[in-house]
C-alpha cells in the first residue's frame, strides 16, 4: 500500500489560513473595555517578535534571508510604536473632562 504524503507547504498554508481566521475573530469580537489591556499585551508580544526577527536576520547566510529579517524588524517596530500611540490615545479618552477644561482656562 502506498502512503499519501502531504507537502509541508500545505501544512503551513493551512496553519496560516487558520491563524488569519482566528485572529480576525479575536480582534473584532473584543469589547471596548478590554481593548487597552489587550493592546499592552500585543505590544509586549511584538517586542518579542522584534527580538526573534533580529536573531533571524543575524543568523541567516543568504542575502534574501537578511533582507526578510530586516523587513520583519522594521514592521514589528512600526507595530510596537503604533500600538503605544493607540494605547495612549485610548487612555486619554478615560481622563476626566474637568482636567481638560481647567487646563484651557489657565492658558486663556
Protein backbone atom coordinates (compact mmCIF):
# COMPACT_ATOMS: atom_id res chain seq x y z
CA UNK A 1 0.00 0.00 0.00
CA UNK A 2 1.28 3.41 -0.90
CA UNK A 3 1.23 6.16 1.73
CA UNK A 4 -0.07 9.60 0.87
CA UNK A 5 2.41 12.27 1.90
CA UNK A 6 1.23 15.82 2.32
CA UNK A 7 3.67 18.55 1.48
CA UNK A 8 4.91 20.74 4.36
CA UNK A 9 3.84 23.74 2.26
CA UNK A 10 0.22 22.56 2.51
CA UNK A 11 0.52 22.23 6.29
CA UNK A 12 1.98 25.72 6.55
CA UNK A 13 -0.74 27.14 4.32
CA UNK A 14 -3.47 25.54 6.46
CA UNK A 15 -1.91 26.96 9.63
CA UNK A 16 -1.62 30.39 8.02
CA UNK A 17 -5.28 30.43 6.93
CA UNK A 18 -6.45 29.26 10.36
CA UNK A 19 -4.32 31.92 12.07
CA UNK A 20 -5.90 34.61 9.89
CA UNK A 21 -9.40 33.39 10.70
CA UNK A 22 -8.80 33.08 14.45
CA UNK A 23 -7.01 36.43 14.58
CA UNK A 24 -9.87 38.15 12.77
CA UNK A 25 -12.46 36.64 15.10
CA UNK A 26 -10.48 37.54 18.22
CA UNK A 27 -9.80 41.14 17.23
CA UNK A 28 -13.28 42.05 16.02
CA UNK A 29 -15.10 40.48 18.98
CA UNK A 30 -13.19 42.33 21.70
CA UNK A 31 -15.28 44.66 23.87
CA UNK A 32 -14.03 48.28 24.05
CA UNK A 33 -13.32 47.97 27.79
CA UNK A 34 -10.73 45.26 27.12
CA UNK A 35 -9.06 47.00 24.19
CA UNK A 36 -6.40 48.88 26.19
CA UNK A 37 -5.15 45.89 28.24
CA UNK A 38 -5.04 43.76 25.10
CA UNK A 39 -3.04 46.43 23.28
CA UNK A 40 -0.47 46.35 26.09
CA UNK A 41 -0.14 42.57 25.72
CA UNK A 42 0.09 42.93 21.95
CA UNK A 43 2.91 45.45 22.34
CA UNK A 44 4.79 43.01 24.56
CA UNK A 45 4.33 40.20 22.03
CA UNK A 46 5.51 42.47 19.22
CA UNK A 47 8.62 43.29 21.23
CA UNK A 48 9.35 39.56 21.43
CA UNK A 49 8.82 39.35 17.66
CA UNK A 50 11.44 42.09 17.20
CA UNK A 51 13.98 40.06 19.17
CA UNK A 52 13.18 36.95 17.10
CA UNK A 53 13.43 38.91 13.86
CA UNK A 54 16.82 40.30 14.88
CA UNK A 55 18.04 36.79 15.62
CA UNK A 56 16.67 35.54 12.29
CA UNK A 57 18.35 38.39 10.42
CA UNK A 58 21.65 37.82 12.19
CA UNK A 59 21.77 34.04 11.82
CA UNK A 60 20.89 33.73 8.13
CA UNK A 61 23.55 33.44 5.49
CA UNK A 62 21.67 34.36 2.35
CA UNK A 63 21.05 37.98 1.36
CA UNK A 64 17.34 37.22 0.91
CA UNK A 65 17.16 35.91 4.48
CA UNK A 66 18.89 39.00 5.84
CA UNK A 67 16.53 41.25 3.86
CA UNK A 68 13.46 39.40 5.15
CA UNK A 69 14.79 39.56 8.73
CA UNK A 70 15.44 43.29 8.41
CA UNK A 71 11.96 43.81 6.97
CA UNK A 72 10.48 41.82 9.88
CA UNK A 73 12.32 44.02 12.39
CA UNK A 74 11.07 47.18 10.67
CA UNK A 75 7.45 46.03 10.51
CA UNK A 76 7.40 44.79 14.10
CA UNK A 77 8.91 48.10 15.25
CA UNK A 78 6.18 50.05 13.49
CA UNK A 79 3.63 47.78 15.16
CA UNK A 80 5.08 48.39 18.63
CA UNK A 81 5.31 52.18 18.30
CA UNK A 82 1.87 52.41 16.69
CA UNK A 83 0.46 50.26 19.47
CA UNK A 84 1.86 52.56 22.13
CA UNK A 85 0.36 55.59 20.36
CA UNK A 86 -3.05 53.93 20.15
CA UNK A 87 -2.88 52.87 23.80
CA UNK A 88 -2.02 56.41 24.87
CA UNK A 89 -4.96 57.81 22.90
CA UNK A 90 -7.29 55.22 24.41
CA UNK A 91 -6.14 56.12 27.93
CA UNK A 92 -6.67 59.83 27.23
CA UNK A 93 -10.30 59.06 26.43
CA UNK A 94 -10.82 57.90 30.04
CA UNK A 95 -9.44 61.07 31.64
CA UNK A 96 -11.87 63.38 33.38
CA UNK A 97 -13.28 66.20 31.28
CA UNK A 98 -12.69 68.77 34.07
CA UNK A 99 -8.94 68.36 33.81
CA UNK A 100 -9.04 69.43 30.16
CA UNK A 101 -11.32 72.43 30.78
CA UNK A 102 -9.19 73.64 33.72
CA UNK A 103 -6.13 73.40 31.50
CA UNK A 104 -7.82 75.52 28.82
CA UNK A 105 -8.81 78.23 31.37
CA UNK A 106 -5.22 78.56 32.59
CA UNK A 107 -3.97 79.26 29.08
CA UNK A 108 -6.64 81.91 28.37
